[in-house]
C-alpha atoms as a PDB file:
ATOM      1  CA  MET A   1      -0.023   0.133  -0.005  1.00  0.00           C
ATOM      2  CA  SER A   2       2.720   2.343   0.763  1.00  0.00           C
ATOM      3  CA  LYS A   3       4.096   2.330  -2.791  1.00  0.00           C
ATOM      4  CA  LYS A   4       0.392   3.051  -4.056  1.00  0.00           C
ATOM      5  CA  LEU A   5      -0.008   6.101  -1.660  1.00  0.00           C
ATOM      6  CA  ALA A   6       3.417   7.470  -2.768  1.00  0.00           C
ATOM      7  CA  ALA A   7       2.466   7.184  -6.558  1.00  0.00           C
ATOM      8  CA  GLU A   8      -0.678   8.867  -5.638  1.00  0.00           C
ATOM      9  CA  PHE A   9       1.138  11.680  -3.586  1.00  0.00           C
ATOM     10  CA  ILE A  10       3.673  12.256  -6.728  1.00  0.00           C
ATOM     11  CA  GLY A  11       0.963  12.226  -9.309  1.00  0.00           C
ATOM     12  CA  THR A  12      -1.213  14.755  -7.427  1.00  0.00           C
ATOM     13  CA  PHE A  13       1.751  17.006  -6.453  1.00  0.00           C
ATOM     14  CA  THR A  14       2.941  17.129  -9.870  1.00  0.00           C
ATOM     15  CA  LEU A  15      -0.521  18.121 -11.175  1.00  0.00           C
ATOM     16  CA  ILE A  16      -0.708  20.919  -8.795  1.00  0.00           C
ATOM     17  CA  PHE A  17       2.947  21.865  -8.973  1.00  0.00           C
ATOM     18  CA  ILE A  18       2.901  22.123 -12.842  1.00  0.00           C
ATOM     19  CA  GLY A  19      -0.728  23.254 -13.523  1.00  0.00           C
ATOM     20  CA  ALA A  20      -0.906  25.753 -10.770  1.00  0.00           C
ATOM     21  CA  GLY A  21       2.476  27.024 -11.346  1.00  0.00           C
ATOM     22  CA  THR A  22       1.916  27.537 -14.908  1.00  0.00           C
ATOM     23  CA  ILE A  23      -1.142  29.805 -14.009  1.00  0.00           C
ATOM     24  CA  MET A  24       1.076  31.705 -11.366  1.00  0.00           C
ATOM     25  CA  ASN A  25       3.946  32.338 -13.738  1.00  0.00           C
ATOM     26  CA  GLY A  26       1.601  34.490 -15.854  1.00  0.00           C
ATOM     27  CA  LYS A  27       3.313  33.760 -19.273  1.00  0.00           C
ATOM     28  CA  ALA A  28       0.483  31.126 -20.470  1.00  0.00           C
ATOM     29  CA  ASP A  29      -2.625  31.731 -22.249  1.00  0.00           C
ATOM     30  CA  LEU A  30      -5.741  29.368 -21.683  1.00  0.00           C
ATOM     31  CA  LEU A  31      -4.257  26.934 -24.068  1.00  0.00           C
ATOM     32  CA  GLY A  32      -1.038  26.911 -22.340  1.00  0.00           C
ATOM     33  CA  VAL A  33      -2.701  26.518 -18.962  1.00  0.00           C
ATOM     34  CA  ALA A  34      -4.731  23.436 -20.436  1.00  0.00           C
ATOM     35  CA  LEU A  35      -1.890  21.963 -21.936  1.00  0.00           C
ATOM     36  CA  ALA A  36       0.130  22.060 -18.584  1.00  0.00           C
ATOM     37  CA  HIS A  37      -2.469  20.422 -16.874  1.00  0.00           C
ATOM     38  CA  GLY A  38      -3.314  17.742 -19.413  1.00  0.00           C
ATOM     39  CA  LEU A  39       0.419  16.712 -20.006  1.00  0.00           C
ATOM     40  CA  ALA A  40       1.182  16.797 -16.405  1.00  0.00           C
ATOM     41  CA  ILE A  41      -1.557  14.055 -15.948  1.00  0.00           C
ATOM     42  CA  ALA A  42      -0.939  12.167 -19.087  1.00  0.00           C
ATOM     43  CA  ILE A  43       2.712  11.787 -17.986  1.00  0.00           C
ATOM     44  CA  MET A  44       1.971  10.845 -14.400  1.00  0.00           C
ATOM     45  CA  VAL A  45      -0.767   8.286 -15.597  1.00  0.00           C
ATOM     46  CA  SER A  46       1.680   6.688 -17.821  1.00  0.00           C
ATOM     47  CA  ALA A  47       4.339   6.624 -14.903  1.00  0.00           C
ATOM     48  CA  PHE A  48       2.265   5.342 -12.309  1.00  0.00           C
ATOM     49  CA  ALA A  49      -0.795   3.471 -13.582  1.00  0.00           C
ATOM     50  CA  ALA A  50       0.704   0.184 -12.924  1.00  0.00           C
ATOM     51  CA  ILE A  51       1.470   1.127  -9.389  1.00  0.00           C
ATOM     52  CA  SER A  52      -1.676   2.757  -8.026  1.00  0.00           C
ATOM     53  CA  GLY A  53      -4.032   2.836 -10.781  1.00  0.00           C
ATOM     54  CA  ALA A  54      -3.105   6.588 -11.161  1.00  0.00           C
ATOM     55  CA  HIS A  55      -6.161   8.245  -9.687  1.00  0.00           C
ATOM     56  CA  PHE A  56      -4.759  11.476  -8.644  1.00  0.00           C
ATOM     57  CA  ASN A  57      -8.291  12.608  -8.064  1.00  0.00           C
ATOM     58  CA  PRO A  58     -10.715  12.124  -4.983  1.00  0.00           C
ATOM     59  CA  ALA A  59     -13.525  12.157  -7.629  1.00  0.00           C
ATOM     60  CA  VAL A  60     -11.770   9.222  -9.578  1.00  0.00           C
ATOM     61  CA  SER A  61     -11.324   7.428  -6.467  1.00  0.00           C
ATOM     62  CA  PHE A  62     -14.925   7.897  -5.535  1.00  0.00           C
ATOM     63  CA  GLY A  63     -16.125   6.523  -8.777  1.00  0.00           C
ATOM     64  CA  MET A  64     -13.978   3.370  -8.017  1.00  0.00           C
ATOM     65  CA  LEU A  65     -15.322   3.106  -4.619  1.00  0.00           C
ATOM     66  CA  VAL A  66     -19.078   3.344  -5.721  1.00  0.00           C
ATOM     67  CA  THR A  67     -18.463   0.558  -8.419  1.00  0.00           C
ATOM     68  CA  ARG A  68     -16.718  -1.486  -5.673  1.00  0.00           C
ATOM     69  CA  ARG A  69     -13.263  -1.565  -7.363  1.00  0.00           C
ATOM     70  CA  ILE A  70     -11.663  -0.310  -4.152  1.00  0.00           C
ATOM     71  CA  ASN A  71     -12.768  -0.604  -0.630  1.00  0.00           C
ATOM     72  CA  THR A  72     -13.260   2.194   1.796  1.00  0.00           C
ATOM     73  CA  THR A  73      -9.987   1.896   3.654  1.00  0.00           C
ATOM     74  CA  THR A  74      -8.213   2.250   0.171  1.00  0.00           C
ATOM     75  CA  PHE A  75     -10.352   5.213  -0.849  1.00  0.00           C
ATOM     76  CA  LEU A  76      -9.617   7.151   2.200  1.00  0.00           C
ATOM     77  CA  SER A  77      -6.025   6.498   2.258  1.00  0.00           C
ATOM     78  CA  TYR A  78      -5.868   7.573  -1.414  1.00  0.00           C
ATOM     79  CA  VAL A  79      -7.673  10.726  -0.909  1.00  0.00           C
ATOM     80  CA  LEU A  80      -5.334  11.637   2.089  1.00  0.00           C
ATOM     81  CA  ALA A  81      -2.378  10.946  -0.089  1.00  0.00           C
ATOM     82  CA  GLN A  82      -3.826  13.029  -2.902  1.00  0.00           C
ATOM     83  CA  LEU A  83      -4.692  15.859  -0.758  1.00  0.00           C
ATOM     84  CA  ALA A  84      -1.293  15.924   0.991  1.00  0.00           C
ATOM     85  CA  GLY A  85       0.405  15.934  -2.556  1.00  0.00           C
ATOM     86  CA  ALA A  86      -1.694  18.893  -3.564  1.00  0.00           C
ATOM     87  CA  SER A  87      -0.920  20.628  -0.326  1.00  0.00           C
ATOM     88  CA  VAL A  88       2.637  19.987  -0.409  1.00  0.00           C
ATOM     89  CA  ALA A  89       2.975  21.343  -3.977  1.00  0.00           C
ATOM     90  CA  ALA A  90       1.004  24.472  -3.205  1.00  0.00           C
ATOM     91  CA  LEU A  91       3.239  25.143  -0.205  1.00  0.00           C
ATOM     92  CA  ILE A  92       6.356  24.950  -2.362  1.00  0.00           C
ATOM     93  CA  LEU A  93       4.974  26.963  -5.109  1.00  0.00           C
ATOM     94  CA  ARG A  94       4.110  29.863  -2.498  1.00  0.00           C
ATOM     95  CA  TYR A  95       7.670  29.642  -1.363  1.00  0.00           C
ATOM     96  CA  ILE A  96       9.095  29.756  -4.672  1.00  0.00           C
ATOM     97  CA  PHE A  97       6.954  32.458  -5.917  1.00  0.00           C
ATOM     98  CA  GLY A  98       7.138  34.522  -2.815  1.00  0.00           C
ATOM     99  CA  TRP A  99       5.100  34.206   0.398  1.00  0.00           C
ATOM    100  CA  GLY A 100       3.766  37.956   0.043  1.00  0.00           C
ATOM    101  CA  SER A 101       3.602  38.231  -3.871  1.00  0.00           C
ATOM    102  CA  ASP A 102       0.188  38.214  -5.651  1.00  0.00           C
ATOM    103  CA  ALA A 103       0.893  34.922  -7.326  1.00  0.00           C
ATOM    104  CA  GLY A 104       2.003  33.414  -4.038  1.00  0.00           C
ATOM    105  CA  LYS A 105      -1.188  34.633  -2.505  1.00  0.00           C
ATOM    106  CA  SER A 106      -3.422  33.251  -5.252  1.00  0.00           C
ATOM    107  CA  LEU A 107      -1.496  30.060  -6.196  1.00  0.00           C
ATOM    108  CA  GLY A 108      -3.781  29.663  -9.134  1.00  0.00           C
ATOM    109  CA  SER A 109      -6.939  29.018  -7.082  1.00  0.00           C
ATOM    110  CA  ALA A 110     -10.156  28.107  -8.579  1.00  0.00           C
ATOM    111  CA  ALA A 111     -12.735  30.790  -8.499  1.00  0.00           C
ATOM    112  CA  VAL A 112     -16.319  31.125  -9.760  1.00  0.00           C
ATOM    113  CA  ALA A 113     -16.556  33.713 -12.536  1.00  0.00           C
ATOM    114  CA  ALA A 114     -18.142  37.000 -11.984  1.00  0.00           C
ATOM    115  CA  GLY A 115     -22.083  36.703 -13.026  1.00  0.00           C
ATOM    116  CA  LEU A 116     -22.180  32.890 -12.777  1.00  0.00           C
ATOM    117  CA  SER A 117     -23.852  31.351  -9.698  1.00  0.00           C
ATOM    118  CA  PRO A 118     -22.252  28.781  -7.610  1.00  0.00           C
ATOM    119  CA  THR A 119     -24.922  26.197  -8.443  1.00  0.00           C
ATOM    120  CA  LYS A 120     -24.223  26.664 -12.084  1.00  0.00           C
ATOM    121  CA  ALA A 121     -20.512  26.462 -11.492  1.00  0.00           C
ATOM    122  CA  MET A 122     -21.138  23.091  -9.430  1.00  0.00           C
ATOM    123  CA  ILE A 123     -23.020  21.657 -12.501  1.00  0.00           C
ATOM    124  CA  ALA A 124     -20.305  22.578 -14.861  1.00  0.00           C
ATOM    125  CA  GLU A 125     -17.784  21.117 -12.604  1.00  0.00           C
ATOM    126  CA  ALA A 126     -19.984  17.842 -12.326  1.00  0.00           C
ATOM    127  CA  ILE A 127     -20.280  17.490 -16.044  1.00  0.00           C
ATOM    128  CA  GLY A 128     -16.573  18.324 -16.482  1.00  0.00           C
ATOM    129  CA  THR A 129     -15.889  15.476 -14.093  1.00  0.00           C
ATOM    130  CA  LEU A 130     -18.364  13.057 -15.472  1.00  0.00           C
ATOM    131  CA  LEU A 131     -16.788  13.286 -18.888  1.00  0.00           C
ATOM    132  CA  LEU A 132     -13.311  12.984 -17.396  1.00  0.00           C
ATOM    133  CA  VAL A 133     -14.245   9.803 -15.405  1.00  0.00           C
ATOM    134  CA  ALA A 134     -16.154   8.219 -18.458  1.00  0.00           C
ATOM    135  CA  VAL A 135     -13.038   8.453 -20.572  1.00  0.00           C
ATOM    136  CA  ILE A 136     -10.990   7.039 -17.587  1.00  0.00           C
ATOM    137  CA  PHE A 137     -13.292   3.878 -17.489  1.00  0.00           C
ATOM    138  CA  GLY A 138     -13.127   3.554 -21.072  1.00  0.00           C
ATOM    139  CA  VAL A 139      -9.464   3.744 -21.833  1.00  0.00           C
ATOM    140  CA  ALA A 140      -8.011   2.491 -18.403  1.00  0.00           C
ATOM    141  CA  VAL A 141     -10.500   0.535 -16.514  1.00  0.00           C
ATOM    142  CA  ASP A 142     -12.391  -1.523 -19.110  1.00  0.00           C
ATOM    143  CA  LYS A 143      -9.981  -3.884 -20.322  1.00  0.00           C
ATOM    144  CA  ARG A 144     -11.367  -4.024 -23.831  1.00  0.00           C
ATOM    145  CA  GLY A 145     -10.441  -0.417 -24.134  1.00  0.00           C
ATOM    146  CA  THR A 146      -8.294   0.182 -27.244  1.00  0.00           C
ATOM    147  CA  PHE A 147      -6.242   2.839 -25.295  1.00  0.00           C
ATOM    148  CA  GLY A 148      -4.940   0.593 -22.249  1.00  0.00           C
ATOM    149  CA  ALA A 149      -1.278   1.003 -22.912  1.00  0.00           C
ATOM    150  CA  VAL A 150      -1.326   4.755 -23.512  1.00  0.00           C
ATOM    151  CA  ALA A 151      -4.497   5.762 -21.519  1.00  0.00           C
ATOM    152  CA  GLY A 152      -2.671   8.802 -20.148  1.00  0.00           C
ATOM    153  CA  PHE A 153      -2.991  10.407 -23.613  1.00  0.00           C
ATOM    154  CA  PRO A 154      -6.812  10.536 -23.839  1.00  0.00           C
ATOM    155  CA  ILE A 155      -7.093  11.263 -20.265  1.00  0.00           C
ATOM    156  CA  GLY A 156      -4.814  14.319 -20.412  1.00  0.00           C
ATOM    157  CA  LEU A 157      -6.513  15.507 -23.463  1.00  0.00           C
ATOM    158  CA  MET A 158     -10.017  15.371 -21.749  1.00  0.00           C
ATOM    159  CA  ILE A 159      -8.442  17.536 -18.969  1.00  0.00           C
ATOM    160  CA  SER A 160      -7.175  20.091 -21.408  1.00  0.00           C
ATOM    161  CA  LEU A 161     -10.682  20.298 -22.991  1.00  0.00           C
ATOM    162  CA  ASP A 162     -12.497  20.609 -19.814  1.00  0.00           C
ATOM    163  CA  ILE A 163      -9.933  23.754 -19.093  1.00  0.00           C
ATOM    164  CA  LEU A 164     -10.391  25.045 -22.304  1.00  0.00           C
ATOM    165  CA  LEU A 165     -14.325  25.302 -21.740  1.00  0.00           C
ATOM    166  CA  MET A 166     -14.567  25.743 -18.074  1.00  0.00           C
ATOM    167  CA  GLY A 167     -11.356  27.316 -16.945  1.00  0.00           C
ATOM    168  CA  PRO A 168     -12.744  30.918 -17.163  1.00  0.00           C
ATOM    169  CA  LEU A 169     -15.815  29.917 -15.373  1.00  0.00           C
ATOM    170  CA  THR A 170     -14.777  27.631 -12.643  1.00  0.00           C
ATOM    171  CA  GLY A 171     -11.104  27.161 -12.854  1.00  0.00           C
ATOM    172  CA  ALA A 172     -12.009  23.681 -14.239  1.00  0.00           C
ATOM    173  CA  THR A 173     -10.473  21.525 -11.334  1.00  0.00           C
ATOM    174  CA  VAL A 174     -12.709  18.644 -12.061  1.00  0.00           C
ATOM    175  CA  ASN A 175     -10.602  17.305  -9.009  1.00  0.00           C
ATOM    176  CA  PRO A 176     -11.257  18.071  -5.324  1.00  0.00           C
ATOM    177  CA  ALA A 177      -7.598  17.731  -4.613  1.00  0.00           C
ATOM    178  CA  ARG A 178      -6.676  20.425  -7.553  1.00  0.00           C
ATOM    179  CA  TRP A 179      -8.940  22.785  -5.691  1.00  0.00           C
ATOM    180  CA  PHE A 180      -7.793  22.000  -1.880  1.00  0.00           C
ATOM    181  CA  GLY A 181      -4.144  22.322  -2.099  1.00  0.00           C
ATOM    182  CA  PRO A 182      -3.991  25.950  -3.357  1.00  0.00           C
ATOM    183  CA  ALA A 183      -7.153  26.833  -1.312  1.00  0.00           C
ATOM    184  CA  LEU A 184      -5.333  25.376   1.978  1.00  0.00           C
ATOM    185  CA  VAL A 185      -2.232  27.424   1.501  1.00  0.00           C
ATOM    186  CA  SER A 186      -3.689  30.485   0.238  1.00  0.00           C
ATOM    187  CA  GLY A 187      -6.843  30.488   2.510  1.00  0.00           C
ATOM    188  CA  SER A 188      -9.260  30.923  -0.367  1.00  0.00           C
ATOM    189  CA  TRP A 189     -12.436  28.796   0.749  1.00  0.00           C
ATOM    190  CA  SER A 190     -15.180  30.928  -1.032  1.00  0.00           C
ATOM    191  CA  ASN A 191     -17.798  28.473  -2.580  1.00  0.00           C
ATOM    192  CA  SER A 192     -15.675  25.540  -1.624  1.00  0.00           C
ATOM    193  CA  TRP A 193     -18.723  23.226  -2.028  1.00  0.00           C
ATOM    194  CA  VAL A 194     -18.520  23.690  -5.812  1.00  0.00           C
ATOM    195  CA  TRP A 195     -15.353  21.938  -6.148  1.00  0.00           C
ATOM    196  CA  ILE A 196     -16.176  19.266  -3.778  1.00  0.00           C
ATOM    197  CA  VAL A 197     -19.907  18.285  -4.488  1.00  0.00           C
ATOM    198  CA  GLY A 198     -19.516  18.784  -8.292  1.00  0.00           C
ATOM    199  CA  PRO A 199     -16.602  16.394  -9.018  1.00  0.00           C
ATOM    200  CA  LEU A 200     -17.746  13.782  -6.596  1.00  0.00           C
ATOM    201  CA  LEU A 201     -21.206  13.825  -8.095  1.00  0.00           C
ATOM    202  CA  GLY A 202     -19.895  13.757 -11.634  1.00  0.00           C
ATOM    203  CA  GLY A 203     -17.467  11.001 -10.784  1.00  0.00           C
ATOM    204  CA  ALA A 204     -20.081   8.780  -9.156  1.00  0.00           C
ATOM    205  CA  ILE A 205     -22.588   9.333 -12.107  1.00  0.00           C
ATOM    206  CA  ALA A 206     -19.950   8.526 -14.613  1.00  0.00           C
ATOM    207  CA  ALA A 207     -18.607   5.243 -12.914  1.00  0.00           C
ATOM    208  CA  ILE A 208     -21.938   3.781 -12.240  1.00  0.00           C
ATOM    209  CA  SER A 209     -23.394   4.758 -15.526  1.00  0.00           C
ATOM    210  CA  TYR A 210     -20.405   3.151 -17.306  1.00  0.00           C
ATOM    211  CA  ASP A 211     -20.981   0.043 -15.343  1.00  0.00           C
ATOM    212  CA  LYS A 212     -24.674  -0.171 -16.120  1.00  0.00           C
ATOM    213  CA  ILE A 213     -24.584   0.936 -19.776  1.00  0.00           C
ATOM    214  CA  PHE A 214     -21.196  -0.148 -21.189  1.00  0.00           C
ATOM    215  CA  ALA A 215     -20.030  -3.099 -19.024  1.00  0.00           C
ATOM    216  CA  PRO A 216     -19.581  -6.259 -20.907  1.00  0.00           C
ATOM    217  CA  GLU A 217     -22.769  -8.527 -20.550  1.00  0.00           C
ATOM    218  CA  LYS A 218     -22.355 -11.584 -18.187  1.00  0.00           C
END
């Protein structure tokens, strides 16, 4: 189990360190931010899928839990490792960019766009996560998937697509850990339920639906 938790820690750390760090440096446009997050996940999935399953996301782990692919103890252990990886990454980013700098204070935290209600933001996060978890089940979980050996590529692309659409609206975390690390270190807790309820709901719906609709017949 320790190897699996280390993999989950490192993978989630990389997502926040590269993804939030790219936002903080202020040099990348929306496409650059989308690619930074997507490539970080694609590479980490490719590196650690054989070790832990490469969840790097409590919503993915929740999807595995509700479809009985992991037990409650494993789920909680994975989530703690993911949140720890995200928090350490955010802490290091704040140190690198300067504790009192604007970038250090914001840490690329997720925020609801002006004029968008938190409920709409939550729905957007749920749909974005639903699409992501559906892709994960199709290319990595389902053994019939055609992308098993390179599952990280389509998974990373789906994250990039989510950010291209939803980044300006919600931050497109589609991942409670991606929200949690920067929120904890920056102290930005506004509308926190959006990035908890939305992804967990979307992940559960995608996982259960895939099992019910697309799973091979007995």
